[in-house]
Amino acid sequence: MGNRILKFRVVDREIFDAIIDGSKKIETRAATPKYRKVRVGDVLTLVCGKKKIKKRVKGVDYFKTISSILKKYKVEDINPKISSIKEAKEMWHSFPGYKEKIKKFGLVAWRLK
C-alpha cells in the first residue's frame, strides 16, 4: 500500500472542502500514468494550501470518457456544487490541460473513505 500526495489549487478549495465534509465521495483525475499507480488501500494525502487530509482509497475505476464516468457515478458525488452533465464537462475542461489529457488517457475515479 502506498501513500500518495494529491494537490488541489487554492481556487479549487470548495472541492477540497467537500471531501473534508464528506459530500464529495469520488475524486477524479485524468488517468495519466502517474495516477494509474493508485490502488485500493492506498492512502491519499490531499493538500490545498496549508490544509491537509488523509483518505484511504476503497475503490478505483477507469473510464475512457466523461460520458462513461457519469453513467456510473452521480455528478453530485464527484462535485456537490454541480448538477448536470454539461456542468461536469465544463468543470473537467476548466482544469489546465484536462480536455487533452482526458482525450488521451481517460479518467480515473477513486472512491474515498
C-alpha atoms as a PDB file:
ATOM      1  CA  MET A   1       0.000   0.000   0.000  1.00  0.00           C
ATOM      2  CA  GLY A   2       1.258   3.401  -0.914  1.00  0.00           C
ATOM      3  CA  ASN A   3       0.846   6.940   0.266  1.00  0.00           C
ATOM      4  CA  ARG A   4       0.386   9.483  -2.490  1.00  0.00           C
ATOM      5  CA  ILE A   5       0.033  13.259  -2.409  1.00  0.00           C
ATOM      6  CA  LEU A   6      -2.723  14.955  -4.425  1.00  0.00           C
ATOM      7  CA  LYS A   7      -2.552  18.717  -4.697  1.00  0.00           C
ATOM      8  CA  PHE A   8      -5.556  20.985  -5.170  1.00  0.00           C
ATOM      9  CA  ARG A   9      -5.257  24.516  -6.485  1.00  0.00           C
ATOM     10  CA  VAL A  10      -6.359  27.145  -3.978  1.00  0.00           C
ATOM     11  CA  VAL A  11      -9.058  28.195  -6.478  1.00  0.00           C
ATOM     12  CA  ASP A  12     -10.467  24.667  -6.058  1.00  0.00           C
ATOM     13  CA  ARG A  13     -10.778  24.931  -2.254  1.00  0.00           C
ATOM     14  CA  GLU A  14     -14.541  24.249  -2.433  1.00  0.00           C
ATOM     15  CA  ILE A  15     -13.847  20.842  -3.980  1.00  0.00           C
ATOM     16  CA  PHE A  16     -11.236  20.090  -1.303  1.00  0.00           C
ATOM     17  CA  ASP A  17     -13.612  21.207   1.471  1.00  0.00           C
ATOM     18  CA  ALA A  18     -16.358  18.955   0.053  1.00  0.00           C
ATOM     19  CA  ILE A  19     -14.011  15.973   0.500  1.00  0.00           C
ATOM     20  CA  ILE A  20     -13.394  17.015   4.109  1.00  0.00           C
ATOM     21  CA  ASP A  21     -17.110  17.326   4.910  1.00  0.00           C
ATOM     22  CA  GLY A  22     -17.901  14.049   3.112  1.00  0.00           C
ATOM     23  CA  SER A  23     -20.239  15.472   0.469  1.00  0.00           C
ATOM     24  CA  LYS A  24     -17.692  14.631  -2.266  1.00  0.00           C
ATOM     25  CA  LYS A  25     -17.281  10.870  -2.293  1.00  0.00           C
ATOM     26  CA  ILE A  26     -15.450  10.401  -5.609  1.00  0.00           C
ATOM     27  CA  GLU A  27     -12.160  12.071  -6.535  1.00  0.00           C
ATOM     28  CA  THR A  28     -11.230  12.043 -10.214  1.00  0.00           C
ATOM     29  CA  ARG A  29      -8.148  12.828 -12.222  1.00  0.00           C
ATOM     30  CA  ALA A  30      -7.073  12.374 -15.812  1.00  0.00           C
ATOM     31  CA  ALA A  31      -5.796   8.775 -15.847  1.00  0.00           C
ATOM     32  CA  THR A  32      -2.198   9.686 -16.661  1.00  0.00           C
ATOM     33  CA  PRO A  33       0.474   7.077 -15.834  1.00  0.00           C
ATOM     34  CA  LYS A  34       1.129   8.861 -12.507  1.00  0.00           C
ATOM     35  CA  TYR A  35      -2.467   8.392 -11.314  1.00  0.00           C
ATOM     36  CA  ARG A  36      -2.811   4.850 -12.705  1.00  0.00           C
ATOM     37  CA  LYS A  37      -0.441   3.749  -9.924  1.00  0.00           C
ATOM     38  CA  VAL A  38      -3.017   4.466  -7.175  1.00  0.00           C
ATOM     39  CA  ARG A  39      -4.505   1.222  -5.843  1.00  0.00           C
ATOM     40  CA  VAL A  40      -7.253   0.156  -3.447  1.00  0.00           C
ATOM     41  CA  GLY A  41      -5.914   0.537   0.102  1.00  0.00           C
ATOM     42  CA  ASP A  42      -3.521   3.374  -0.753  1.00  0.00           C
ATOM     43  CA  VAL A  43      -3.678   6.473   1.426  1.00  0.00           C
ATOM     44  CA  LEU A  44      -4.038   9.771  -0.416  1.00  0.00           C
ATOM     45  CA  THR A  45      -2.764  12.886   1.325  1.00  0.00           C
ATOM     46  CA  LEU A  46      -4.909  15.663  -0.116  1.00  0.00           C
ATOM     47  CA  VAL A  47      -3.321  19.116   0.097  1.00  0.00           C
ATOM     48  CA  CYS A  48      -4.840  22.540  -0.575  1.00  0.00           C
ATOM     49  CA  GLY A  49      -2.740  25.484   0.547  1.00  0.00           C
ATOM     50  CA  LYS A  50      -1.754  24.676   4.147  1.00  0.00           C
ATOM     51  CA  LYS A  51      -4.647  22.286   4.764  1.00  0.00           C
ATOM     52  CA  LYS A  52      -4.142  18.509   4.535  1.00  0.00           C
ATOM     53  CA  ILE A  53      -6.354  15.470   4.966  1.00  0.00           C
ATOM     54  CA  LYS A  54      -5.696  11.759   4.517  1.00  0.00           C
ATOM     55  CA  LYS A  55      -8.216   9.486   2.798  1.00  0.00           C
ATOM     56  CA  ARG A  56      -7.979   5.776   2.022  1.00  0.00           C
ATOM     57  CA  VAL A  57      -8.895   4.552  -1.476  1.00  0.00           C
ATOM     58  CA  LYS A  58     -11.676   1.975  -1.228  1.00  0.00           C
ATOM     59  CA  GLY A  59     -12.271   1.608  -4.971  1.00  0.00           C
ATOM     60  CA  VAL A  60     -10.690   2.503  -8.311  1.00  0.00           C
ATOM     61  CA  ASP A  61     -12.418   2.698 -11.691  1.00  0.00           C
ATOM     62  CA  TYR A  62     -11.166   3.789 -15.121  1.00  0.00           C
ATOM     63  CA  PHE A  63     -13.246   5.472 -17.822  1.00  0.00           C
ATOM     64  CA  LYS A  64     -12.466   6.419 -21.418  1.00  0.00           C
ATOM     65  CA  THR A  65     -14.794   9.438 -21.483  1.00  0.00           C
ATOM     66  CA  ILE A  66     -16.648  11.905 -19.286  1.00  0.00           C
ATOM     67  CA  SER A  67     -19.937  10.418 -20.512  1.00  0.00           C
ATOM     68  CA  SER A  68     -18.901   6.933 -19.359  1.00  0.00           C
ATOM     69  CA  ILE A  69     -17.932   8.056 -15.838  1.00  0.00           C
ATOM     70  CA  LEU A  70     -21.285   9.814 -15.487  1.00  0.00           C
ATOM     71  CA  LYS A  71     -23.128   6.604 -16.339  1.00  0.00           C
ATOM     72  CA  LYS A  72     -21.684   5.037 -13.167  1.00  0.00           C
ATOM     73  CA  TYR A  73     -21.464   7.991 -10.767  1.00  0.00           C
ATOM     74  CA  LYS A  74     -23.812  10.862  -9.957  1.00  0.00           C
ATOM     75  CA  VAL A  75     -22.344  14.279 -10.723  1.00  0.00           C
ATOM     76  CA  GLU A  76     -23.140  15.332  -7.134  1.00  0.00           C
ATOM     77  CA  ASP A  77     -20.820  12.606  -5.753  1.00  0.00           C
ATOM     78  CA  ILE A  78     -17.995  13.930  -7.928  1.00  0.00           C
ATOM     79  CA  ASN A  79     -18.705  17.595  -7.188  1.00  0.00           C
ATOM     80  CA  PRO A  80     -21.644  18.534  -4.916  1.00  0.00           C
ATOM     81  CA  LYS A  81     -21.743  22.041  -6.427  1.00  0.00           C
ATOM     82  CA  ILE A  82     -22.797  20.847  -9.874  1.00  0.00           C
ATOM     83  CA  SER A  83     -25.960  19.115 -11.018  1.00  0.00           C
ATOM     84  CA  SER A  84     -25.746  18.417 -14.744  1.00  0.00           C
ATOM     85  CA  ILE A  85     -23.611  16.594 -17.287  1.00  0.00           C
ATOM     86  CA  LYS A  86     -22.957  19.915 -19.037  1.00  0.00           C
ATOM     87  CA  GLU A  87     -21.603  21.442 -15.803  1.00  0.00           C
ATOM     88  CA  ALA A  88     -19.472  18.338 -15.187  1.00  0.00           C
ATOM     89  CA  LYS A  89     -17.879  18.601 -18.635  1.00  0.00           C
ATOM     90  CA  GLU A  90     -17.249  22.315 -18.102  1.00  0.00           C
ATOM     91  CA  MET A  91     -15.661  21.535 -14.710  1.00  0.00           C
ATOM     92  CA  TRP A  92     -13.193  18.961 -16.109  1.00  0.00           C
ATOM     93  CA  HIS A  93     -12.379  21.148 -19.115  1.00  0.00           C
ATOM     94  CA  SER A  94     -11.650  24.083 -16.776  1.00  0.00           C
ATOM     95  CA  PHE A  95      -8.629  22.294 -15.278  1.00  0.00           C
ATOM     96  CA  PRO A  96      -5.401  23.164 -17.139  1.00  0.00           C
ATOM     97  CA  GLY A  97      -4.743  20.685 -19.944  1.00  0.00           C
ATOM     98  CA  TYR A  98      -7.549  18.314 -18.905  1.00  0.00           C
ATOM     99  CA  LYS A  99      -9.501  18.313 -22.155  1.00  0.00           C
ATOM    100  CA  GLU A 100      -6.463  16.909 -23.963  1.00  0.00           C
ATOM    101  CA  LYS A 101      -5.421  14.596 -21.106  1.00  0.00           C
ATOM    102  CA  ILE A 102      -8.896  13.059 -20.852  1.00  0.00           C
ATOM    103  CA  LYS A 103      -8.967  12.509 -24.605  1.00  0.00           C
ATOM    104  CA  LYS A 104      -5.579  10.751 -24.432  1.00  0.00           C
ATOM    105  CA  PHE A 105      -5.758   8.901 -21.070  1.00  0.00           C
ATOM    106  CA  GLY A 106      -9.407   8.880 -19.952  1.00  0.00           C
ATOM    107  CA  LEU A 107     -10.364   9.374 -16.299  1.00  0.00           C
ATOM    108  CA  VAL A 108      -9.679   7.555 -13.053  1.00  0.00           C
ATOM    109  CA  ALA A 109     -12.213   7.671 -10.208  1.00  0.00           C
ATOM    110  CA  TRP A 110     -11.266   6.893  -6.615  1.00  0.00           C
ATOM    111  CA  ARG A 111     -13.933   6.062  -4.047  1.00  0.00           C
ATOM    112  CA  LEU A 112     -12.684   7.519  -0.773  1.00  0.00           C
ATOM    113  CA  LYS A 113     -13.260   6.613   2.865  1.00  0.00           C
END
